[in-house]
PDB file of N, CA and C in Angstrom:
ATOM      1  N   MET A   1     -26.581  -9.990 -12.559  1.00  0.00           N
ATOM      2  CA  MET A   1     -25.281 -10.626 -12.531  1.00  0.00           C
ATOM      3  C   MET A   1     -24.216  -9.588 -12.153  1.00  0.00           C
ATOM      4  N   ILE A   2     -23.357  -9.963 -11.238  1.00  0.00           N
ATOM      5  CA  ILE A   2     -22.292  -9.068 -10.786  1.00  0.00           C
ATOM      6  C   ILE A   2     -21.186  -9.057 -11.824  1.00  0.00           C
ATOM      7  N   LYS A   3     -20.738  -7.873 -12.155  1.00  0.00           N
ATOM      8  CA  LYS A   3     -19.686  -7.753 -13.162  1.00  0.00           C
ATOM      9  C   LYS A   3     -18.316  -8.025 -12.536  1.00  0.00           C
ATOM     10  N   VAL A   4     -17.410  -8.462 -13.367  1.00  0.00           N
ATOM     11  CA  VAL A   4     -16.077  -8.859 -12.911  1.00  0.00           C
ATOM     12  C   VAL A   4     -15.326  -7.680 -12.307  1.00  0.00           C
ATOM     13  N   HIS A   5     -15.461  -6.488 -12.880  1.00  0.00           N
ATOM     14  CA  HIS A   5     -14.697  -5.355 -12.371  1.00  0.00           C
ATOM     15  C   HIS A   5     -15.149  -4.957 -10.966  1.00  0.00           C
ATOM     16  N   LEU A   6     -16.399  -5.207 -10.614  1.00  0.00           N
ATOM     17  CA  LEU A   6     -16.848  -4.926  -9.254  1.00  0.00           C
ATOM     18  C   LEU A   6     -16.268  -5.919  -8.256  1.00  0.00           C
ATOM     19  N   ILE A   7     -16.097  -7.161  -8.685  1.00  0.00           N
ATOM     20  CA  ILE A   7     -15.467  -8.160  -7.821  1.00  0.00           C
ATOM     21  C   ILE A   7     -14.003  -7.813  -7.597  1.00  0.00           C
ATOM     22  N   ILE A   8     -13.316  -7.406  -8.661  1.00  0.00           N
ATOM     23  CA  ILE A   8     -11.906  -7.010  -8.532  1.00  0.00           C
ATOM     24  C   ILE A   8     -11.784  -5.789  -7.636  1.00  0.00           C
ATOM     25  N   LEU A   9     -12.701  -4.842  -7.761  1.00  0.00           N
ATOM     26  CA  LEU A   9     -12.699  -3.652  -6.912  1.00  0.00           C
ATOM     27  C   LEU A   9     -12.882  -4.034  -5.447  1.00  0.00           C
ATOM     28  N   ALA A  10     -13.803  -4.938  -5.164  1.00  0.00           N
ATOM     29  CA  ALA A  10     -14.034  -5.373  -3.784  1.00  0.00           C
ATOM     30  C   ALA A  10     -12.812  -6.092  -3.218  1.00  0.00           C
ATOM     31  N   ILE A  11     -12.193  -6.947  -4.014  1.00  0.00           N
ATOM     32  CA  ILE A  11     -10.997  -7.670  -3.563  1.00  0.00           C
ATOM     33  C   ILE A  11      -9.858  -6.697  -3.298  1.00  0.00           C
ATOM     34  N   ALA A  12      -9.674  -5.724  -4.190  1.00  0.00           N
ATOM     35  CA  ALA A  12      -8.604  -4.735  -4.000  1.00  0.00           C
ATOM     36  C   ALA A  12      -8.842  -3.908  -2.737  1.00  0.00           C
ATOM     37  N   ALA A  13     -10.083  -3.536  -2.482  1.00  0.00           N
ATOM     38  CA  ALA A  13     -10.392  -2.751  -1.288  1.00  0.00           C
ATOM     39  C   ALA A  13     -10.149  -3.554  -0.016  1.00  0.00           C
ATOM     40  N   VAL A  14     -10.540  -4.818  -0.017  1.00  0.00           N
ATOM     41  CA  VAL A  14     -10.328  -5.664   1.160  1.00  0.00           C
ATOM     42  C   VAL A  14      -8.838  -5.910   1.380  1.00  0.00           C
ATOM     43  N   LEU A  15      -8.094  -6.177   0.305  1.00  0.00           N
ATOM     44  CA  LEU A  15      -6.645  -6.349   0.438  1.00  0.00           C
ATOM     45  C   LEU A  15      -5.976  -5.078   0.952  1.00  0.00           C
ATOM     46  N   GLY A  16      -6.414  -3.925   0.455  1.00  0.00           N
ATOM     47  CA  GLY A  16      -5.861  -2.660   0.920  1.00  0.00           C
ATOM     48  C   GLY A  16      -6.091  -2.456   2.405  1.00  0.00           C
ATOM     49  N   MET A  17      -7.301  -2.747   2.863  1.00  0.00           N
ATOM     50  CA  MET A  17      -7.585  -2.601   4.294  1.00  0.00           C
ATOM     51  C   MET A  17      -6.800  -3.606   5.129  1.00  0.00           C
ATOM     52  N   ALA A  18      -6.671  -4.836   4.649  1.00  0.00           N
ATOM     53  CA  ALA A  18      -5.936  -5.860   5.393  1.00  0.00           C
ATOM     54  C   ALA A  18      -4.460  -5.490   5.527  1.00  0.00           C
ATOM     55  N   PHE A  19      -3.857  -5.042   4.440  1.00  0.00           N
ATOM     56  CA  PHE A  19      -2.442  -4.672   4.507  1.00  0.00           C
ATOM     57  C   PHE A  19      -2.228  -3.366   5.270  1.00  0.00           C
ATOM     58  N   SER A  20      -3.211  -2.488   5.302  1.00  0.00           N
ATOM     59  CA  SER A  20      -3.125  -1.298   6.149  1.00  0.00           C
ATOM     60  C   SER A  20      -3.076  -1.702   7.617  1.00  0.00           C
ATOM     61  N   TYR A  21      -3.936  -2.645   7.991  1.00  0.00           N
ATOM     62  CA  TYR A  21      -3.942  -3.144   9.369  1.00  0.00           C
ATOM     63  C   TYR A  21      -2.599  -3.790   9.718  1.00  0.00           C
ATOM     64  N   LEU A  22      -2.085  -4.616   8.808  1.00  0.00           N
ATOM     65  CA  LEU A  22      -0.798  -5.275   9.059  1.00  0.00           C
ATOM     66  C   LEU A  22       0.328  -4.259   9.186  1.00  0.00           C
ATOM     67  N   ALA A  23       0.302  -3.204   8.391  1.00  0.00           N
ATOM     68  CA  ALA A  23       1.347  -2.182   8.456  1.00  0.00           C
ATOM     69  C   ALA A  23       1.314  -1.438   9.785  1.00  0.00           C
ATOM     70  N   VAL A  24       0.128  -1.202  10.308  1.00  0.00           N
ATOM     71  CA  VAL A  24       0.010  -0.457  11.563  1.00  0.00           C
ATOM     72  C   VAL A  24       0.409  -1.315  12.755  1.00  0.00           C
ATOM     73  N   THR A  25       0.116  -2.606  12.724  1.00  0.00           N
ATOM     74  CA  THR A  25       0.370  -3.469  13.878  1.00  0.00           C
ATOM     75  C   THR A  25       1.747  -4.134  13.868  1.00  0.00           C
ATOM     76  N   GLU A  26       2.484  -4.047  12.780  1.00  0.00           N
ATOM     77  CA  GLU A  26       3.780  -4.724  12.657  1.00  0.00           C
ATOM     78  C   GLU A  26       4.837  -4.036  13.508  1.00  0.00           C
ATOM     79  N   LYS A  27       5.657  -4.826  14.208  1.00  0.00           N
ATOM     80  CA  LYS A  27       6.745  -4.293  15.038  1.00  0.00           C
ATOM     81  C   LYS A  27       8.034  -4.098  14.232  1.00  0.00           C
ATOM     82  N   ASP A  28       8.216  -4.885  13.170  1.00  0.00           N
ATOM     83  CA  ASP A  28       9.379  -4.749  12.294  1.00  0.00           C
ATOM     84  C   ASP A  28       9.072  -3.645  11.278  1.00  0.00           C
ATOM     85  N   LEU A  29       9.832  -2.567  11.327  1.00  0.00           N
ATOM     86  CA  LEU A  29       9.519  -1.401  10.506  1.00  0.00           C
ATOM     87  C   LEU A  29       9.697  -1.657   9.022  1.00  0.00           C
ATOM     88  N   LEU A  30      10.651  -2.491   8.633  1.00  0.00           N
ATOM     89  CA  LEU A  30      10.824  -2.791   7.209  1.00  0.00           C
ATOM     90  C   LEU A  30       9.659  -3.617   6.661  1.00  0.00           C
ATOM     91  N   LYS A  31       9.152  -4.544   7.463  1.00  0.00           N
ATOM     92  CA  LYS A  31       7.965  -5.291   7.042  1.00  0.00           C
ATOM     93  C   LYS A  31       6.765  -4.358   6.932  1.00  0.00           C
ATOM     94  N   ALA A  32       6.661  -3.408   7.861  1.00  0.00           N
ATOM     95  CA  ALA A  32       5.559  -2.452   7.817  1.00  0.00           C
ATOM     96  C   ALA A  32       5.615  -1.602   6.551  1.00  0.00           C
ATOM     97  N   ILE A  33       6.809  -1.239   6.116  1.00  0.00           N
ATOM     98  CA  ILE A  33       6.959  -0.487   4.871  1.00  0.00           C
ATOM     99  C   ILE A  33       6.535  -1.350   3.685  1.00  0.00           C
ATOM    100  N   GLY A  34       6.895  -2.617   3.706  1.00  0.00           N
ATOM    101  CA  GLY A  34       6.473  -3.536   2.647  1.00  0.00           C
ATOM    102  C   GLY A  34       4.965  -3.696   2.602  1.00  0.00           C
ATOM    103  N   TYR A  35       4.348  -3.840   3.758  1.00  0.00           N
ATOM    104  CA  TYR A  35       2.889  -3.934   3.817  1.00  0.00           C
ATOM    105  C   TYR A  35       2.243  -2.653   3.295  1.00  0.00           C
ATOM    106  N   SER A  36       2.834  -1.523   3.623  1.00  0.00           N
ATOM    107  CA  SER A  36       2.304  -0.249   3.147  1.00  0.00           C
ATOM    108  C   SER A  36       2.399  -0.144   1.629  1.00  0.00           C
ATOM    109  N   ALA A  37       3.468  -0.654   1.059  1.00  0.00           N
ATOM    110  CA  ALA A  37       3.613  -0.637  -0.401  1.00  0.00           C
ATOM    111  C   ALA A  37       2.584  -1.542  -1.070  1.00  0.00           C
ATOM    112  N   VAL A  38       2.334  -2.721  -0.483  1.00  0.00           N
ATOM    113  CA  VAL A  38       1.326  -3.616  -1.036  1.00  0.00           C
ATOM    114  C   VAL A  38      -0.054  -2.984  -0.936  1.00  0.00           C
ATOM    115  N   GLN A  39      -0.321  -2.313   0.171  1.00  0.00           N
ATOM    116  CA  GLN A  39      -1.584  -1.596   0.343  1.00  0.00           C
ATOM    117  C   GLN A  39      -1.743  -0.531  -0.727  1.00  0.00           C
ATOM    118  N   ALA A  40      -0.675   0.177  -1.039  1.00  0.00           N
ATOM    119  CA  ALA A  40      -0.737   1.209  -2.066  1.00  0.00           C
ATOM    120  C   ALA A  40      -1.024   0.613  -3.441  1.00  0.00           C
ATOM    121  N   VAL A  41      -0.445  -0.539  -3.734  1.00  0.00           N
ATOM    122  CA  VAL A  41      -0.713  -1.199  -5.014  1.00  0.00           C
ATOM    123  C   VAL A  41      -2.169  -1.645  -5.088  1.00  0.00           C
ATOM    124  N   ALA A  42      -2.694  -2.168  -3.988  1.00  0.00           N
ATOM    125  CA  ALA A  42      -4.099  -2.600  -3.974  1.00  0.00           C
ATOM    126  C   ALA A  42      -5.032  -1.418  -4.219  1.00  0.00           C
ATOM    127  N   TYR A  43      -4.753  -0.292  -3.587  1.00  0.00           N
ATOM    128  CA  TYR A  43      -5.594   0.884  -3.807  1.00  0.00           C
ATOM    129  C   TYR A  43      -5.403   1.456  -5.212  1.00  0.00           C
ATOM    130  N   ALA A  44      -4.211   1.317  -5.778  1.00  0.00           N
ATOM    131  CA  ALA A  44      -3.994   1.763  -7.154  1.00  0.00           C
ATOM    132  C   ALA A  44      -4.827   0.931  -8.121  1.00  0.00           C
ATOM    133  N   VAL A  45      -4.926  -0.373  -7.867  1.00  0.00           N
ATOM    134  CA  VAL A  45      -5.790  -1.227  -8.687  1.00  0.00           C
ATOM    135  C   VAL A  45      -7.240  -0.771  -8.555  1.00  0.00           C
ATOM    136  N   ALA A  46      -7.648  -0.436  -7.334  1.00  0.00           N
ATOM    137  CA  ALA A  46      -9.019   0.043  -7.125  1.00  0.00           C
ATOM    138  C   ALA A  46      -9.255   1.346  -7.884  1.00  0.00           C
ATOM    139  N   PHE A  47      -8.300   2.256  -7.852  1.00  0.00           N
ATOM    140  CA  PHE A  47      -8.438   3.513  -8.599  1.00  0.00           C
ATOM    141  C   PHE A  47      -8.506   3.257 -10.102  1.00  0.00           C
ATOM    142  N   TYR A  48      -7.736   2.283 -10.574  1.00  0.00           N
ATOM    143  CA  TYR A  48      -7.761   1.949 -11.993  1.00  0.00           C
ATOM    144  C   TYR A  48      -9.131   1.398 -12.394  1.00  0.00           C
ATOM    145  N   ILE A  49      -9.697   0.537 -11.555  1.00  0.00           N
ATOM    146  CA  ILE A  49     -11.027  -0.002 -11.838  1.00  0.00           C
ATOM    147  C   ILE A  49     -12.062   1.121 -11.837  1.00  0.00           C
ATOM    148  N   LEU A  50     -11.859   2.127 -10.991  1.00  0.00           N
ATOM    149  CA  LEU A  50     -12.772   3.266 -10.931  1.00  0.00           C
ATOM    150  C   LEU A  50     -12.509   4.292 -12.037  1.00  0.00           C
ATOM    151  N   MET A  51     -11.635   3.939 -12.985  1.00  0.00           N
ATOM    152  CA  MET A  51     -11.317   4.745 -14.159  1.00  0.00           C
ATOM    153  C   MET A  51     -10.704   6.108 -13.809  1.00  0.00           C
ATOM    154  N   ALA A  52      -9.690   6.069 -12.969  1.00  0.00           N
ATOM    155  CA  ALA A  52      -8.952   7.274 -12.628  1.00  0.00           C
ATOM    156  C   ALA A  52      -7.467   7.055 -12.911  1.00  0.00           C
ATOM    157  N   PRO A  53      -7.086   6.959 -14.198  1.00  0.00           N
ATOM    158  CA  PRO A  53      -5.697   6.627 -14.524  1.00  0.00           C
ATOM    159  C   PRO A  53      -4.693   7.692 -14.101  1.00  0.00           C
ATOM    160  N   ASP A  54      -5.093   8.964 -14.080  1.00  0.00           N
ATOM    161  CA  ASP A  54      -4.173  10.008 -13.645  1.00  0.00           C
ATOM    162  C   ASP A  54      -3.853   9.871 -12.161  1.00  0.00           C
ATOM    163  N   VAL A  55      -4.836   9.493 -11.364  1.00  0.00           N
ATOM    164  CA  VAL A  55      -4.608   9.272  -9.942  1.00  0.00           C
ATOM    165  C   VAL A  55      -3.718   8.049  -9.744  1.00  0.00           C
ATOM    166  N   VAL A  56      -3.925   7.021 -10.549  1.00  0.00           N
ATOM    167  CA  VAL A  56      -3.116   5.798 -10.450  1.00  0.00           C
ATOM    168  C   VAL A  56      -1.652   6.113 -10.712  1.00  0.00           C
ATOM    169  N   LEU A  57      -1.361   6.857 -11.749  1.00  0.00           N
ATOM    170  CA  LEU A  57       0.033   7.171 -12.077  1.00  0.00           C
ATOM    171  C   LEU A  57       0.713   7.955 -10.962  1.00  0.00           C
ATOM    172  N   ALA A  58       0.025   8.943 -10.427  1.00  0.00           N
ATOM    173  CA  ALA A  58       0.605   9.728  -9.337  1.00  0.00           C
ATOM    174  C   ALA A  58       0.729   8.884  -8.072  1.00  0.00           C
ATOM    175  N   TYR A  59      -0.285   8.088  -7.778  1.00  0.00           N
ATOM    176  CA  TYR A  59      -0.297   7.295  -6.548  1.00  0.00           C
ATOM    177  C   TYR A  59       0.797   6.240  -6.545  1.00  0.00           C
ATOM    178  N   ILE A  60       0.994   5.569  -7.674  1.00  0.00           N
ATOM    179  CA  ILE A  60       2.058   4.565  -7.760  1.00  0.00           C
ATOM    180  C   ILE A  60       3.423   5.224  -7.592  1.00  0.00           C
ATOM    181  N   ALA A  61       3.634   6.326  -8.286  1.00  0.00           N
ATOM    182  CA  ALA A  61       4.941   6.989  -8.218  1.00  0.00           C
ATOM    183  C   ALA A  61       5.259   7.482  -6.814  1.00  0.00           C
ATOM    184  N   ILE A  62       4.265   8.029  -6.144  1.00  0.00           N
ATOM    185  CA  ILE A  62       4.517   8.604  -4.826  1.00  0.00           C
ATOM    186  C   ILE A  62       4.436   7.551  -3.733  1.00  0.00           C
ATOM    187  N   ALA A  63       3.318   6.824  -3.652  1.00  0.00           N
ATOM    188  CA  ALA A  63       3.090   5.914  -2.529  1.00  0.00           C
ATOM    189  C   ALA A  63       3.992   4.686  -2.560  1.00  0.00           C
ATOM    190  N   VAL A  64       4.214   4.131  -3.726  1.00  0.00           N
ATOM    191  CA  VAL A  64       5.044   2.925  -3.794  1.00  0.00           C
ATOM    192  C   VAL A  64       6.508   3.290  -3.957  1.00  0.00           C
ATOM    193  N   GLY A  65       6.803   4.253  -4.803  1.00  0.00           N
ATOM    194  CA  GLY A  65       8.192   4.575  -5.107  1.00  0.00           C
ATOM    195  C   GLY A  65       8.873   5.477  -4.099  1.00  0.00           C
ATOM    196  N   ILE A  66       8.511   6.732  -4.111  1.00  0.00           N
ATOM    197  CA  ILE A  66       9.215   7.734  -3.310  1.00  0.00           C
ATOM    198  C   ILE A  66       8.998   7.516  -1.821  1.00  0.00           C
ATOM    199  N   TYR A  67       7.733   7.302  -1.418  1.00  0.00           N
ATOM    200  CA  TYR A  67       7.396   7.143  -0.007  1.00  0.00           C
ATOM    201  C   TYR A  67       8.109   5.937   0.605  1.00  0.00           C
ATOM    202  N   SER A  68       8.061   4.805  -0.083  1.00  0.00           N
ATOM    203  CA  SER A  68       8.706   3.599   0.446  1.00  0.00           C
ATOM    204  C   SER A  68      10.222   3.754   0.499  1.00  0.00           C
ATOM    205  N   ALA A  69      10.792   4.320  -0.537  1.00  0.00           N
ATOM    206  CA  ALA A  69      12.249   4.519  -0.552  1.00  0.00           C
ATOM    207  C   ALA A  69      12.689   5.475   0.546  1.00  0.00           C
ATOM    208  N   LEU A  70      11.935   6.535   0.750  1.00  0.00           N
ATOM    209  CA  LEU A  70      12.272   7.488   1.811  1.00  0.00           C
ATOM    210  C   LEU A  70      12.164   6.841   3.185  1.00  0.00           C
ATOM    211  N   LEU A  71      11.133   6.049   3.409  1.00  0.00           N
ATOM    212  CA  LEU A  71      10.982   5.382   4.698  1.00  0.00           C
ATOM    213  C   LEU A  71      12.072   4.338   4.940  1.00  0.00           C
ATOM    214  N   VAL A  72      12.463   3.604   3.914  1.00  0.00           N
ATOM    215  CA  VAL A  72      13.564   2.645   4.071  1.00  0.00           C
ATOM    216  C   VAL A  72      14.851   3.384   4.424  1.00  0.00           C
ATOM    217  N   PHE A  73      15.086   4.525   3.802  1.00  0.00           N
ATOM    218  CA  PHE A  73      16.273   5.322   4.123  1.00  0.00           C
ATOM    219  C   PHE A  73      16.233   5.795   5.572  1.00  0.00           C
ATOM    220  N   VAL A  74      15.078   6.271   6.022  1.00  0.00           N
ATOM    221  CA  VAL A  74      14.952   6.756   7.397  1.00  0.00           C
ATOM    222  C   VAL A  74      15.120   5.616   8.388  1.00  0.00           C
ATOM    223  N   VAL A  75      14.552   4.457   8.113  1.00  0.00           N
ATOM    224  CA  VAL A  75      14.695   3.309   9.013  1.00  0.00           C
ATOM    225  C   VAL A  75      16.143   2.846   9.059  1.00  0.00           C
ATOM    226  N   SER A  76      16.858   2.971   7.955  1.00  0.00           N
ATOM    227  CA  SER A  76      18.270   2.569   7.963  1.00  0.00           C
ATOM    228  C   SER A  76      19.102   3.465   8.881  1.00  0.00           C
ATOM    229  N   LYS A  77      18.628   4.666   9.132  1.00  0.00           N
ATOM    230  CA  LYS A  77      19.339   5.581  10.028  1.00  0.00           C
ATOM    231  C   LYS A  77      18.945   5.374  11.495  1.00  0.00           C
ATOM    232  N   THR A  78      17.888   4.614  11.732  1.00  0.00           N
ATOM    233  CA  THR A  78      17.431   4.347  13.092  1.00  0.00           C
ATOM    234  C   THR A  78      17.489   2.843  13.343  1.00  0.00           C
ATOM    235  N   GLU A  79      16.653   2.362  14.249  1.00  0.00           N
ATOM    236  CA  GLU A  79      16.593   0.932  14.512  1.00  0.00           C
ATOM    237  C   GLU A  79      15.465   0.294  13.735  1.00  0.00           C
ATOM    238  N   ARG A  80      15.657  -0.953  13.368  1.00  0.00           N
ATOM    239  CA  ARG A  80      14.683  -1.642  12.526  1.00  0.00           C
ATOM    240  C   ARG A  80      13.423  -2.030  13.283  1.00  0.00           C
ATOM    241  N   TYR A  81      13.565  -2.410  14.535  1.00  0.00           N
ATOM    242  CA  TYR A  81      12.422  -2.897  15.299  1.00  0.00           C
ATOM    243  C   TYR A  81      11.918  -1.814  16.237  1.00  0.00           C
ATOM    244  N   GLU A  82      10.606  -1.752  16.364  1.00  0.00           N
ATOM    245  CA  GLU A  82       9.976  -0.798  17.259  1.00  0.00           C
ATOM    246  C   GLU A  82      10.194  -1.255  18.698  1.00  0.00           C
ATOM    247  N   VAL A  83      10.637  -0.354  19.532  1.00  0.00           N
ATOM    248  CA  VAL A  83      10.873  -0.675  20.937  1.00  0.00           C
ATOM    249  C   VAL A  83       9.614  -0.323  21.710  1.00  0.00           C
ATOM    250  N   VAL A  84       9.140  -1.307  22.457  1.00  0.00           N
ATOM    251  CA  VAL A  84       7.889  -1.080  23.206  1.00  0.00           C
ATOM    252  C   VAL A  84       8.180  -0.652  24.606  1.00  0.00           C
TER     253      VAL A  84
END
């Protein structure tokens, strides 16, 4: 019988990969930052399931908090949409 935590780990990994793809292909930079933040949360859940709480705390603080805020600040100084 498959345990519940393995199913949650698989779902978190698939969500992380899906939102990584969306972040890379998105033309709107603010949406891409949002997708990147969701991807970081999905991977943080995966790290938590893998019993790495110290990595989760650092990853959430850096990847979701500081990284996203810094990128939003940088995008506010440039243009929102990627020019092709």
